[in-house]
């Protein structure tokens, strides 16, 4: 499950970078993707702290 979360985080960050550099049309959506990636990263980090 944690491997899937890391893959999702990487995909969201790559999508954000590509969208920011290539497609400057949907700026708000791209920043929401980045925010979602950061939230998932923090959630995964906190869930690892609680489980150990």
N, C-alpha and C. Protein backbone atom coordinates (compact mmCIF):
# COMPACT_ATOMS: atom_id res chain seq x y z
N UNK A 1 0.82 -1.19 0.00
CA UNK A 1 0.00 0.00 0.00
C UNK A 1 0.87 1.25 0.00
N UNK A 2 1.94 1.25 0.78
CA UNK A 2 2.81 2.41 0.86
C UNK A 2 3.54 2.63 -0.46
N UNK A 3 3.84 1.55 -1.17
CA UNK A 3 4.50 1.67 -2.47
C UNK A 3 3.58 2.37 -3.47
N UNK A 4 2.29 2.08 -3.41
CA UNK A 4 1.32 2.71 -4.29
C UNK A 4 1.21 4.20 -3.97
N UNK A 5 1.27 4.56 -2.70
CA UNK A 5 1.19 5.97 -2.32
C UNK A 5 2.40 6.73 -2.84
N UNK A 6 3.59 6.13 -2.73
CA UNK A 6 4.79 6.79 -3.24
C UNK A 6 4.72 6.95 -4.76
N UNK A 7 4.22 5.94 -5.46
CA UNK A 7 4.07 6.04 -6.91
C UNK A 7 3.09 7.14 -7.26
N UNK A 8 1.99 7.23 -6.52
CA UNK A 8 1.00 8.29 -6.76
C UNK A 8 1.59 9.67 -6.50
N UNK A 9 2.39 9.80 -5.45
CA UNK A 9 3.03 11.08 -5.15
C UNK A 9 3.97 11.48 -6.27
N UNK A 10 4.77 10.54 -6.75
CA UNK A 10 5.70 10.83 -7.84
C UNK A 10 4.95 11.22 -9.10
N UNK A 11 3.88 10.51 -9.42
CA UNK A 11 3.10 10.84 -10.61
C UNK A 11 2.46 12.22 -10.51
N UNK A 12 1.96 12.57 -9.34
CA UNK A 12 1.36 13.88 -9.16
C UNK A 12 2.39 15.00 -9.27
N UNK A 13 3.57 14.79 -8.72
CA UNK A 13 4.61 15.81 -8.81
C UNK A 13 5.09 15.96 -10.24
N UNK A 14 5.27 14.86 -10.95
CA UNK A 14 5.69 14.92 -12.35
C UNK A 14 4.61 15.60 -13.18
N UNK A 15 3.35 15.30 -12.92
CA UNK A 15 2.25 15.95 -13.64
C UNK A 15 2.24 17.45 -13.37
N UNK A 16 2.53 17.82 -12.14
CA UNK A 16 2.57 19.24 -11.80
C UNK A 16 3.70 19.94 -12.54
N UNK A 17 4.88 19.34 -12.54
CA UNK A 17 6.02 19.96 -13.21
C UNK A 17 5.76 20.08 -14.71
N UNK A 18 5.27 19.01 -15.33
CA UNK A 18 4.98 19.07 -16.76
C UNK A 18 3.89 20.10 -17.06
N UNK A 19 2.89 20.12 -16.25
CA UNK A 19 1.81 21.07 -16.45
C UNK A 19 2.26 22.50 -16.25
N UNK A 20 3.15 22.71 -15.29
CA UNK A 20 3.62 24.06 -15.01
C UNK A 20 4.53 24.56 -16.12
N UNK A 21 5.35 23.67 -16.66
CA UNK A 21 6.30 24.09 -17.69
C UNK A 21 5.70 24.07 -19.09
N UNK A 22 4.80 23.13 -19.36
CA UNK A 22 4.30 22.95 -20.72
C UNK A 22 2.93 23.58 -20.91
N UNK A 23 2.00 23.28 -20.03
CA UNK A 23 0.62 23.73 -20.18
C UNK A 23 0.29 24.76 -19.11
N UNK A 24 0.47 26.01 -19.41
CA UNK A 24 0.22 27.06 -18.41
C UNK A 24 -1.25 27.47 -18.39
N UNK A 25 -2.12 26.68 -19.01
CA UNK A 25 -3.53 27.04 -19.11
C UNK A 25 -4.29 26.72 -17.82
N UNK A 26 -4.07 25.55 -17.27
CA UNK A 26 -4.83 25.10 -16.10
C UNK A 26 -4.01 25.26 -14.83
N UNK A 27 -3.62 26.46 -14.51
CA UNK A 27 -2.74 26.72 -13.37
C UNK A 27 -3.33 26.29 -12.04
N UNK A 28 -4.60 26.57 -11.81
CA UNK A 28 -5.21 26.22 -10.53
C UNK A 28 -5.28 24.70 -10.34
N UNK A 29 -5.62 23.98 -11.38
CA UNK A 29 -5.70 22.53 -11.28
C UNK A 29 -4.33 21.92 -11.01
N UNK A 30 -3.33 22.46 -11.64
CA UNK A 30 -1.98 21.95 -11.46
C UNK A 30 -1.50 22.17 -10.03
N UNK A 31 -1.81 23.32 -9.47
CA UNK A 31 -1.41 23.57 -8.10
C UNK A 31 -2.21 22.72 -7.11
N UNK A 32 -3.42 22.39 -7.47
CA UNK A 32 -4.19 21.46 -6.63
C UNK A 32 -3.56 20.06 -6.65
N UNK A 33 -3.03 19.65 -7.80
CA UNK A 33 -2.34 18.36 -7.87
C UNK A 33 -1.10 18.36 -6.98
N UNK A 34 -0.37 19.45 -6.97
CA UNK A 34 0.80 19.55 -6.11
C UNK A 34 0.39 19.51 -4.64
N UNK A 35 -0.66 20.21 -4.31
CA UNK A 35 -1.16 20.21 -2.94
C UNK A 35 -1.59 18.80 -2.52
N UNK A 36 -2.25 18.08 -3.41
CA UNK A 36 -2.66 16.70 -3.12
C UNK A 36 -1.44 15.81 -2.90
N UNK A 37 -0.41 15.99 -3.70
CA UNK A 37 0.81 15.19 -3.54
C UNK A 37 1.47 15.47 -2.19
N UNK A 38 1.50 16.72 -1.79
CA UNK A 38 2.11 17.07 -0.50
C UNK A 38 1.28 16.52 0.65
N UNK A 39 -0.04 16.60 0.55
CA UNK A 39 -0.90 16.05 1.60
C UNK A 39 -0.71 14.55 1.72
N UNK A 40 -0.64 13.85 0.59
CA UNK A 40 -0.41 12.40 0.64
C UNK A 40 0.95 12.07 1.24
N UNK A 41 1.96 12.87 0.93
CA UNK A 41 3.28 12.63 1.50
C UNK A 41 3.27 12.83 3.01
N UNK A 42 2.63 13.88 3.48
CA UNK A 42 2.55 14.13 4.92
C UNK A 42 1.73 13.04 5.61
N UNK A 43 0.63 12.63 5.00
CA UNK A 43 -0.19 11.57 5.58
C UNK A 43 0.60 10.27 5.70
N UNK A 44 1.34 9.94 4.66
CA UNK A 44 2.13 8.72 4.69
C UNK A 44 3.23 8.82 5.74
N UNK A 45 3.84 9.97 5.87
CA UNK A 45 4.90 10.16 6.86
C UNK A 45 4.33 10.04 8.27
N UNK A 46 3.16 10.62 8.52
CA UNK A 46 2.56 10.55 9.85
C UNK A 46 2.06 9.13 10.16
N UNK A 47 1.56 8.43 9.17
CA UNK A 47 1.10 7.07 9.42
C UNK A 47 2.28 6.14 9.71
N UNK A 48 3.45 6.41 9.14
CA UNK A 48 4.65 5.63 9.45
C UNK A 48 5.11 5.90 10.87
N UNK A 49 5.00 7.14 11.33
CA UNK A 49 5.40 7.48 12.69
C UNK A 49 4.50 6.80 13.73
N UNK A 50 3.20 6.71 13.44
CA UNK A 50 2.26 6.11 14.39
C UNK A 50 2.40 4.60 14.43
N UNK A 51 2.77 3.97 13.31
CA UNK A 51 2.82 2.51 13.27
C UNK A 51 4.08 1.96 13.90
N UNK A 52 5.15 2.77 14.04
CA UNK A 52 6.38 2.27 14.62
C UNK A 52 6.49 2.59 16.07
